[in-house]
Amino acid sequence: MEYDPDFARSFMQRTLNIATSYEGPHDATLLINCLLGLLIVPKEALFEKVPTSRFESLAEWGINPSSIKRFGRCEYGDEHKPNLRQLVRRLRNAVAHFKIDPLHEKGTVKGFAFRDRNGFHAEVSLPEIQSFVSKLSKHLAAQA
């Protein structure tokens, strides 16, 4: 298997394909793996391409604003108010530092709780994660 010369774009496209086509018993694990790859690889190359869309528009990116329990402290540049780029940063920190916990319902994982050291806390359902992975990977692939 070969990657295209534009590795970041190719990686995001493959991540999108995996996240949207897999149907099996490990879907929750697969989504977290896809989210990890999607948040880490572009962080270094494409983070500035993530829009600073307002908090209220998170639903357009697949995550209901009510899933964000606390945004925590906002200390970076244009991030004095919660926004999409800050959410990506916070999710990246939570996943990269393994500050995630499964949310169970009747013996099945229904989503994950994400936290970071700045006080961020989100409880995101699997459908929200899948939608977010899909929308973010499409957006970043178009920007690469």
Protein backbone atom coordinates (compact mmCIF):
# COMPACT_ATOMS: atom_id res chain seq x y z
CA MET A 1 0.00 0.00 0.00
CA GLU A 2 1.30 3.45 -0.95
CA TYR A 3 0.42 6.85 0.41
CA ASP A 4 0.01 9.81 -1.90
CA PRO A 5 2.86 12.35 -1.87
CA ASP A 6 0.63 14.62 0.25
CA PHE A 7 0.70 12.36 3.30
CA ALA A 8 -1.50 14.51 5.56
CA ARG A 9 -4.33 14.69 3.00
CA SER A 10 -4.07 10.99 2.21
CA PHE A 11 -4.04 10.10 5.90
CA MET A 12 -7.16 12.17 6.56
CA GLN A 13 -9.00 10.63 3.59
CA ARG A 14 -8.17 7.11 4.76
CA THR A 15 -9.25 8.02 8.29
CA LEU A 16 -12.56 9.28 6.93
CA ASN A 17 -13.06 6.07 4.94
CA ILE A 18 -12.37 3.90 7.97
CA ALA A 19 -14.55 5.93 10.34
CA THR A 20 -17.55 5.97 8.01
CA SER A 21 -17.42 2.45 6.61
CA TYR A 22 -16.55 0.17 9.55
CA GLU A 23 -19.43 -1.76 11.03
CA GLY A 24 -18.32 -4.17 13.69
CA PRO A 25 -17.96 -4.90 17.36
CA HIS A 26 -15.09 -2.47 17.92
CA ASP A 27 -16.67 0.71 16.58
CA ALA A 28 -16.02 2.75 19.75
CA THR A 29 -12.33 1.80 19.78
CA LEU A 30 -12.01 2.51 16.08
CA LEU A 31 -13.56 5.96 16.46
CA ILE A 32 -11.13 6.90 19.23
CA ASN A 33 -8.21 5.66 17.10
CA CYS A 34 -9.48 7.71 14.15
CA LEU A 35 -9.96 10.74 16.38
CA LEU A 36 -6.45 10.35 17.76
CA GLY A 37 -4.92 10.21 14.28
CA LEU A 38 -7.08 13.05 13.02
CA LEU A 39 -6.22 15.33 15.95
CA ILE A 40 -2.50 14.55 16.13
CA VAL A 41 -1.40 14.46 12.47
CA PRO A 42 -3.12 17.70 11.41
CA LYS A 43 -2.14 19.41 14.68
CA GLU A 44 1.39 19.74 13.42
CA ALA A 45 0.60 20.57 9.79
CA LEU A 46 -2.93 21.96 9.58
CA PHE A 47 -4.07 23.20 12.98
CA GLU A 48 -4.31 26.79 11.78
CA LYS A 49 -6.75 25.60 9.09
CA VAL A 50 -9.33 24.71 11.74
CA PRO A 51 -11.78 27.60 11.82
CA THR A 52 -12.39 29.61 14.97
CA SER A 53 -16.14 29.10 14.54
CA ARG A 54 -18.20 30.20 17.51
CA PHE A 55 -19.23 27.80 20.25
CA GLU A 56 -22.84 27.96 19.13
CA SER A 57 -21.89 26.49 15.72
CA LEU A 58 -20.39 23.28 17.12
CA ALA A 59 -23.52 21.35 16.10
CA GLU A 60 -22.61 22.07 12.47
CA TRP A 61 -19.41 20.12 13.13
CA GLY A 62 -21.28 17.18 14.69
CA ILE A 63 -20.99 17.92 18.39
CA ASN A 64 -23.94 19.27 20.32
CA PRO A 65 -22.85 22.25 22.45
CA SER A 66 -24.61 20.61 25.42
CA SER A 67 -22.01 17.81 25.23
CA ILE A 68 -19.40 20.32 26.39
CA LYS A 69 -19.75 20.42 30.15
CA ARG A 70 -16.87 22.88 30.75
CA PHE A 71 -14.49 24.50 28.30
CA GLY A 72 -12.01 25.30 31.05
CA ARG A 73 -9.54 28.18 30.91
CA CYS A 74 -9.04 29.94 27.58
CA GLU A 75 -5.51 31.30 27.37
CA TYR A 76 -4.39 31.24 23.73
CA GLY A 77 -4.61 34.17 21.31
CA ASP A 78 -8.05 34.18 19.75
CA GLU A 79 -9.32 31.63 22.24
CA HIS A 80 -10.55 33.90 24.98
CA LYS A 81 -14.01 32.63 24.09
CA PRO A 82 -14.78 28.95 23.38
CA ASN A 83 -14.62 28.06 19.67
CA LEU A 84 -14.07 25.15 17.29
CA ARG A 85 -10.28 25.45 17.15
CA GLN A 86 -10.15 25.43 20.94
CA LEU A 87 -12.39 22.34 20.99
CA VAL A 88 -9.98 20.58 18.61
CA ARG A 89 -7.05 21.55 20.87
CA ARG A 90 -8.87 20.34 23.99
CA LEU A 91 -9.94 17.04 22.40
CA ARG A 92 -6.40 16.55 21.11
CA ASN A 93 -4.98 17.07 24.60
CA ALA A 94 -7.51 14.70 26.15
CA VAL A 95 -6.89 11.93 23.62
CA ALA A 96 -3.11 12.38 23.42
CA HIS A 97 -2.74 12.25 27.21
CA PHE A 98 -5.33 9.49 27.56
CA LYS A 99 -7.70 11.59 29.64
CA ILE A 100 -10.71 9.78 28.21
CA ASP A 101 -13.23 7.44 29.81
CA PRO A 102 -15.96 5.37 28.17
CA LEU A 103 -19.56 6.25 28.96
CA HIS A 104 -21.59 3.09 29.42
CA GLU A 105 -25.29 2.46 29.04
CA LYS A 106 -26.73 -1.01 29.64
CA GLY A 107 -23.37 -2.70 29.09
CA THR A 108 -22.56 -0.85 25.86
CA VAL A 109 -20.26 2.11 25.26
CA LYS A 110 -22.43 5.03 24.18
CA GLY A 111 -19.70 7.69 24.08
CA PHE A 112 -16.62 9.04 25.82
CA ALA A 113 -15.82 11.65 28.43
CA PHE A 114 -12.85 13.87 27.54
CA ARG A 115 -10.91 16.01 30.02
CA ASP A 116 -7.75 18.11 30.00
CA ARG A 117 -5.66 19.82 32.65
CA ASN A 118 -7.20 23.23 31.86
CA GLY A 119 -10.58 22.16 33.20
CA PHE A 120 -12.10 21.01 29.89
CA HIS A 121 -14.79 18.33 30.22
CA ALA A 122 -16.96 16.96 27.44
CA GLU A 123 -19.24 13.93 27.22
CA VAL A 124 -19.60 13.07 23.55
CA SER A 125 -21.76 10.30 22.09
CA LEU A 126 -20.42 7.86 19.49
CA PRO A 127 -22.63 9.31 16.73
CA GLU A 128 -21.30 12.79 17.57
CA ILE A 129 -17.71 11.53 17.44
CA GLN A 130 -18.32 9.84 14.10
CA SER A 131 -19.93 12.97 12.66
CA PHE A 132 -17.13 15.19 14.01
CA VAL A 133 -14.42 12.90 12.62
CA SER A 134 -16.13 12.94 9.24
CA LYS A 135 -16.64 16.70 9.05
CA LEU A 136 -13.20 17.61 10.38
CA SER A 137 -11.37 15.17 8.11
CA LYS A 138 -13.27 16.45 5.05
CA HIS A 139 -12.51 20.04 5.99
CA LEU A 140 -8.81 19.44 6.64
CA ALA A 141 -8.37 17.31 3.53
CA ALA A 142 -9.77 20.20 1.47
CA GLN A 143 -7.33 22.59 3.17
CA ALA A 144 -4.20 20.42 2.79
